[in-house]
């Protein structure tokens, strides 16, 4: 199992949990963290026993954005990460889910600060749970910067246009309740329970047919910008083959026999 000094990886049943692990810096992004993140996405998709991914942060924070100093790396360990970035100049965007989308569902479990680059990574996740004291926001314009992690494209597609522009143009913080009210997150839970809430959702996903889950996720994203006619055609092409799988037949048998299904990705 992978991981780095700033990104831990562990298994919870069929769920791979990736934890941003720089609590002293509110889990601001470092090169070691980005390399660990990207490797984690790849590990999850390469392992058929992994059916979902949970992304969270250590020490009561999710992610406070980029740490430009830490991204430079240092020492021999830092050199190893710089070599990875040199070999794949797109690695940091893939790690932040800007240029990479895992096949498996990604659930964010947010506590504390989830701002700037943290809110940008959040937009690459599929389902989002946050503690009631969590804080969200894209602060870049307040610093004369541009939220280049994908927010000017994605945010207006995920929340209403007026709320997207307000968040982008004011650079102000949003509470968890306000973020839920505009649709940025789906669940607000008591502080300290976001990870448990995310794992509970992951378990519900893990009980479903994995081929069906992955096909549904793929269909949602690939049809998002299509016309209805084109989208329905693409949905049929993506979904119809699922009915011919052994997993689909197992699901039907299990339902008829009133027992939990045993899926084998076949």
Protein backbone atom coordinates (compact mmCIF):
# COMPACT_ATOMS: atom_id res chain seq x y z
CA UNK A 1 0.00 0.00 0.00
CA UNK A 2 1.36 3.39 -1.00
CA UNK A 3 1.55 6.75 0.72
CA UNK A 4 4.15 9.38 1.59
CA UNK A 5 5.07 11.39 4.67
CA UNK A 6 2.24 13.80 3.80
CA UNK A 7 -0.36 11.33 2.50
CA UNK A 8 -1.46 8.20 4.34
CA UNK A 9 -3.30 5.28 2.78
CA UNK A 10 -5.33 2.68 4.63
CA UNK A 11 -8.09 0.18 3.95
CA UNK A 12 -11.50 0.17 5.59
CA UNK A 13 -13.09 -2.93 4.11
CA UNK A 14 -13.60 -2.27 0.40
CA UNK A 15 -12.86 1.45 0.83
CA UNK A 16 -9.44 3.03 0.32
CA UNK A 17 -9.00 6.00 2.67
CA UNK A 18 -6.55 8.70 1.56
CA UNK A 19 -5.63 11.16 4.31
CA UNK A 20 -3.92 14.50 3.68
CA UNK A 21 -1.37 14.48 6.48
CA UNK A 22 0.28 17.85 7.25
CA UNK A 23 -1.84 18.86 10.24
CA UNK A 24 0.69 21.48 11.38
CA UNK A 25 0.04 23.31 8.07
CA UNK A 26 -3.72 22.60 7.88
CA UNK A 27 -2.81 20.01 5.25
CA UNK A 28 -1.62 22.58 2.73
CA UNK A 29 -0.50 20.87 -0.44
CA UNK A 30 3.13 19.79 -0.71
CA UNK A 31 4.88 17.88 -3.46
CA UNK A 32 4.97 14.76 -1.27
CA UNK A 33 1.23 15.07 -0.73
CA UNK A 34 0.46 15.49 -4.43
CA UNK A 35 2.60 12.50 -5.42
CA UNK A 36 0.92 10.40 -2.73
CA UNK A 37 -2.53 11.53 -3.86
CA UNK A 38 -1.98 10.65 -7.49
CA UNK A 39 -0.52 7.27 -6.56
CA UNK A 40 -3.56 6.70 -4.33
CA UNK A 41 -6.02 7.36 -7.16
CA UNK A 42 -4.11 4.91 -9.36
CA UNK A 43 -3.90 2.30 -6.61
CA UNK A 44 -7.64 2.42 -6.04
CA UNK A 45 -8.47 1.95 -9.70
CA UNK A 46 -5.93 -0.85 -10.17
CA UNK A 47 -7.28 -2.91 -7.26
CA UNK A 48 -10.61 -4.59 -8.02
CA UNK A 49 -11.20 -5.22 -4.32
CA UNK A 50 -11.43 -1.45 -3.79
CA UNK A 51 -14.95 -0.25 -4.53
CA UNK A 52 -14.85 3.31 -3.20
CA UNK A 53 -12.42 5.99 -2.06
CA UNK A 54 -12.68 8.40 0.86
CA UNK A 55 -10.53 11.54 0.88
CA UNK A 56 -10.05 13.29 4.21
CA UNK A 57 -7.54 15.34 6.20
CA UNK A 58 -5.66 14.82 9.45
CA UNK A 59 -5.75 17.00 12.55
CA UNK A 60 -9.16 18.57 12.13
CA UNK A 61 -8.57 20.19 8.74
CA UNK A 62 -9.15 19.12 5.15
CA UNK A 63 -6.81 21.29 3.05
CA UNK A 64 -5.79 24.96 3.21
CA UNK A 65 -4.61 25.09 -0.41
CA UNK A 66 -1.18 25.29 -2.00
CA UNK A 67 2.03 25.67 -0.01
CA UNK A 68 4.39 27.06 -2.64
CA UNK A 69 7.44 26.69 -0.40
CA UNK A 70 6.65 23.05 0.36
CA UNK A 71 6.01 22.33 -3.32
CA UNK A 72 9.70 23.00 -3.99
CA UNK A 73 10.64 19.97 -1.85
CA UNK A 74 13.95 19.62 -0.03
CA UNK A 75 16.70 17.10 0.57
CA UNK A 76 17.01 13.71 -1.09
CA UNK A 77 13.37 12.86 -0.37
CA UNK A 78 12.29 16.08 -2.06
CA UNK A 79 14.48 15.27 -5.04
CA UNK A 80 12.64 11.98 -5.54
CA UNK A 81 9.35 13.83 -5.74
CA UNK A 82 10.78 16.48 -8.06
CA UNK A 83 11.93 13.68 -10.33
CA UNK A 84 8.37 12.34 -10.42
CA UNK A 85 7.05 15.75 -11.39
CA UNK A 86 9.73 16.17 -14.02
CA UNK A 87 8.80 12.80 -15.53
CA UNK A 88 5.10 13.76 -15.53
CA UNK A 89 4.62 17.57 -15.56
CA UNK A 90 0.85 17.04 -15.31
CA UNK A 91 1.09 15.02 -12.09
CA UNK A 92 -0.03 17.83 -9.75
CA UNK A 93 -3.19 18.45 -11.81
CA UNK A 94 -3.96 14.73 -11.84
CA UNK A 95 -3.46 14.58 -8.07
CA UNK A 96 -5.91 17.46 -7.59
CA UNK A 97 -8.49 15.69 -9.80
CA UNK A 98 -8.27 18.44 -12.43
CA UNK A 99 -6.90 16.17 -15.16
CA UNK A 100 -7.79 12.77 -13.73
CA UNK A 101 -11.05 11.13 -12.68
CA UNK A 102 -10.90 7.84 -10.76
CA UNK A 103 -13.24 5.07 -11.93
CA UNK A 104 -14.31 4.44 -8.34
CA UNK A 105 -16.60 6.86 -6.46
CA UNK A 106 -14.70 9.45 -4.38
CA UNK A 107 -16.29 10.69 -1.14
CA UNK A 108 -14.86 13.74 0.63
CA UNK A 109 -14.91 13.82 4.43
CA UNK A 110 -14.26 17.44 5.42
CA UNK A 111 -13.43 18.87 8.83
CA UNK A 112 -12.11 22.39 9.44
CA UNK A 113 -10.51 24.38 6.63
CA UNK A 114 -11.30 23.36 3.05
CA UNK A 115 -10.28 26.51 1.24
CA UNK A 116 -8.50 27.66 -1.93
CA UNK A 117 -6.90 24.50 -3.39
CA UNK A 118 -8.89 22.46 -0.87
CA UNK A 119 -12.18 23.69 -2.34
CA UNK A 120 -10.75 23.04 -5.81
CA UNK A 121 -9.93 19.41 -5.00
CA UNK A 122 -13.38 19.10 -3.43
CA UNK A 123 -14.97 19.86 -6.80
CA UNK A 124 -13.28 16.75 -8.24
CA UNK A 125 -14.96 14.48 -5.68
CA UNK A 126 -18.35 12.84 -6.20
CA UNK A 127 -20.04 12.95 -2.77
CA UNK A 128 -19.23 15.37 0.06
CA UNK A 129 -19.73 15.19 3.84
CA UNK A 130 -18.62 18.00 6.15
CA UNK A 131 -18.47 18.72 9.87
CA UNK A 132 -20.64 21.64 10.91
CA UNK A 133 -17.63 23.88 11.70
CA UNK A 134 -15.98 23.30 8.30
CA UNK A 135 -15.05 26.37 6.24
CA UNK A 136 -15.04 26.59 2.45
CA UNK A 137 -14.01 29.25 -0.03
CA UNK A 138 -11.89 30.27 -2.98
CA UNK A 139 -9.65 33.02 -1.57
CA UNK A 140 -7.44 33.47 -4.62
CA UNK A 141 -8.83 36.82 -5.85
CA UNK A 142 -8.20 38.38 -2.43
CA UNK A 143 -4.52 37.67 -3.01
CA UNK A 144 -4.51 38.82 -6.63
CA UNK A 145 -4.41 35.20 -7.81
CA UNK A 146 -6.51 32.97 -10.07
CA UNK A 147 -8.17 29.71 -8.90
CA UNK A 148 -6.56 27.68 -11.64
CA UNK A 149 -7.43 24.25 -10.24
CA UNK A 150 -10.60 24.15 -12.32
CA UNK A 151 -13.03 26.27 -10.30
CA UNK A 152 -13.99 28.80 -12.97
CA UNK A 153 -15.13 25.86 -15.10
CA UNK A 154 -16.49 23.35 -12.60
CA UNK A 155 -18.10 25.45 -9.92
CA UNK A 156 -20.76 26.96 -12.20
CA UNK A 157 -21.67 23.43 -13.31
CA UNK A 158 -22.03 22.17 -9.75
CA UNK A 159 -23.86 25.02 -8.02
CA UNK A 160 -26.16 27.82 -9.29
CA UNK A 161 -24.46 30.42 -11.49
CA UNK A 162 -24.99 33.34 -9.11
CA UNK A 163 -23.55 31.45 -6.14
CA UNK A 164 -20.57 30.28 -8.19
CA UNK A 165 -19.70 33.83 -9.23
CA UNK A 166 -20.17 35.17 -5.72
CA UNK A 167 -17.81 32.56 -4.31
CA UNK A 168 -15.24 33.16 -7.05
CA UNK A 169 -15.39 36.97 -7.08
CA UNK A 170 -15.65 37.80 -3.37
CA UNK A 171 -13.13 35.30 -2.05
CA UNK A 172 -15.10 35.12 1.19
CA UNK A 173 -15.41 32.11 3.51
CA UNK A 174 -18.54 29.94 3.57
CA UNK A 175 -19.79 27.91 6.52
CA UNK A 176 -20.74 24.27 6.10
CA UNK A 177 -24.44 25.16 6.36
CA UNK A 178 -24.12 27.82 3.67
CA UNK A 179 -22.07 25.47 1.45
CA UNK A 180 -24.81 22.85 1.80
CA UNK A 181 -27.47 25.44 1.07
CA UNK A 182 -25.92 26.28 -2.32
CA UNK A 183 -25.25 22.63 -3.13
CA UNK A 184 -21.46 22.53 -2.80
CA UNK A 185 -21.68 19.74 -0.22
CA UNK A 186 -24.35 17.15 0.41
CA UNK A 187 -24.23 16.44 4.15
CA UNK A 188 -23.48 18.46 7.29
CA UNK A 189 -22.73 16.31 10.34
CA UNK A 190 -21.51 16.97 13.89
CA UNK A 191 -17.86 17.97 14.10
CA UNK A 192 -15.52 15.02 14.21
CA UNK A 193 -17.93 12.64 12.45
CA UNK A 194 -17.37 13.52 8.77
CA UNK A 195 -15.12 10.51 8.20
CA UNK A 196 -17.61 8.16 9.83
CA UNK A 197 -20.38 9.65 7.70
CA UNK A 198 -18.34 9.26 4.52
CA UNK A 199 -17.48 5.66 5.37
CA UNK A 200 -21.16 4.92 5.97
CA UNK A 201 -22.00 6.17 2.47
CA UNK A 202 -19.05 4.22 1.08
CA UNK A 203 -20.39 1.02 2.64
CA UNK A 204 -23.73 1.55 0.91
CA UNK A 205 -21.90 1.96 -2.40
CA UNK A 206 -19.68 -1.05 -1.70
CA UNK A 207 -22.77 -3.25 -1.29
CA UNK A 208 -23.83 -2.47 -4.87
CA UNK A 209 -22.62 -4.06 -8.08
CA UNK A 210 -19.17 -2.59 -8.78
CA UNK A 211 -19.49 -2.75 -12.57
CA UNK A 212 -22.85 -1.00 -12.37
CA UNK A 213 -21.49 1.66 -9.99
CA UNK A 214 -18.53 2.45 -12.23
CA UNK A 215 -20.70 2.54 -15.35
CA UNK A 216 -23.21 4.87 -13.70
CA UNK A 217 -20.46 7.26 -12.57
CA UNK A 218 -18.88 7.26 -16.02
CA UNK A 219 -22.23 7.92 -17.69
CA UNK A 220 -23.05 10.86 -15.43
CA UNK A 221 -19.79 12.63 -16.26
CA UNK A 222 -19.54 11.83 -19.94
CA UNK A 223 -23.11 12.97 -20.68
CA UNK A 224 -23.03 16.13 -18.55
CA UNK A 225 -22.43 18.52 -21.44
CA UNK A 226 -24.25 16.55 -24.16
CA UNK A 227 -27.63 17.31 -25.63
CA UNK A 228 -30.39 15.13 -24.23
CA UNK A 229 -30.50 13.09 -27.45
CA UNK A 230 -26.76 12.48 -27.49
CA UNK A 231 -26.72 11.83 -23.77
CA UNK A 232 -29.44 9.20 -23.96
CA UNK A 233 -27.58 7.44 -26.77
CA UNK A 234 -24.36 7.48 -24.78
CA UNK A 235 -26.18 6.23 -21.67
CA UNK A 236 -27.58 3.29 -23.61
CA UNK A 237 -24.16 2.39 -24.99
CA UNK A 238 -22.64 2.57 -21.52
CA UNK A 239 -25.46 0.95 -19.56
CA UNK A 240 -26.82 -1.81 -21.75
CA UNK A 241 -23.73 -4.07 -21.51
CA UNK A 242 -24.07 -4.06 -17.71
CA UNK A 243 -27.26 -6.15 -18.02
CA UNK A 244 -25.26 -8.94 -19.66
CA UNK A 245 -22.75 -9.33 -16.83
CA UNK A 246 -22.58 -12.12 -14.28
CA UNK A 247 -22.91 -9.47 -11.58
CA UNK A 248 -26.28 -8.37 -12.98
CA UNK A 249 -27.49 -11.98 -12.97
CA UNK A 250 -26.21 -12.42 -9.41
CA UNK A 251 -28.03 -9.28 -8.32
CA UNK A 252 -31.30 -10.61 -9.74
CA UNK A 253 -30.83 -14.04 -8.12
CA UNK A 254 -29.97 -12.51 -4.76
CA UNK A 255 -33.06 -10.32 -4.88
CA UNK A 256 -35.28 -13.30 -5.70
CA UNK A 257 -33.67 -15.39 -2.96
CA UNK A 258 -33.78 -12.53 -0.44
CA UNK A 259 -30.07 -12.66 0.35
CA UNK A 260 -27.11 -10.27 0.01
CA UNK A 261 -25.54 -10.49 -3.45
CA UNK A 262 -21.93 -11.64 -3.93
CA UNK A 263 -20.45 -9.62 -6.77
CA UNK A 264 -17.29 -10.70 -8.58
CA UNK A 265 -16.83 -7.94 -11.17
CA UNK A 266 -17.72 -10.31 -14.01
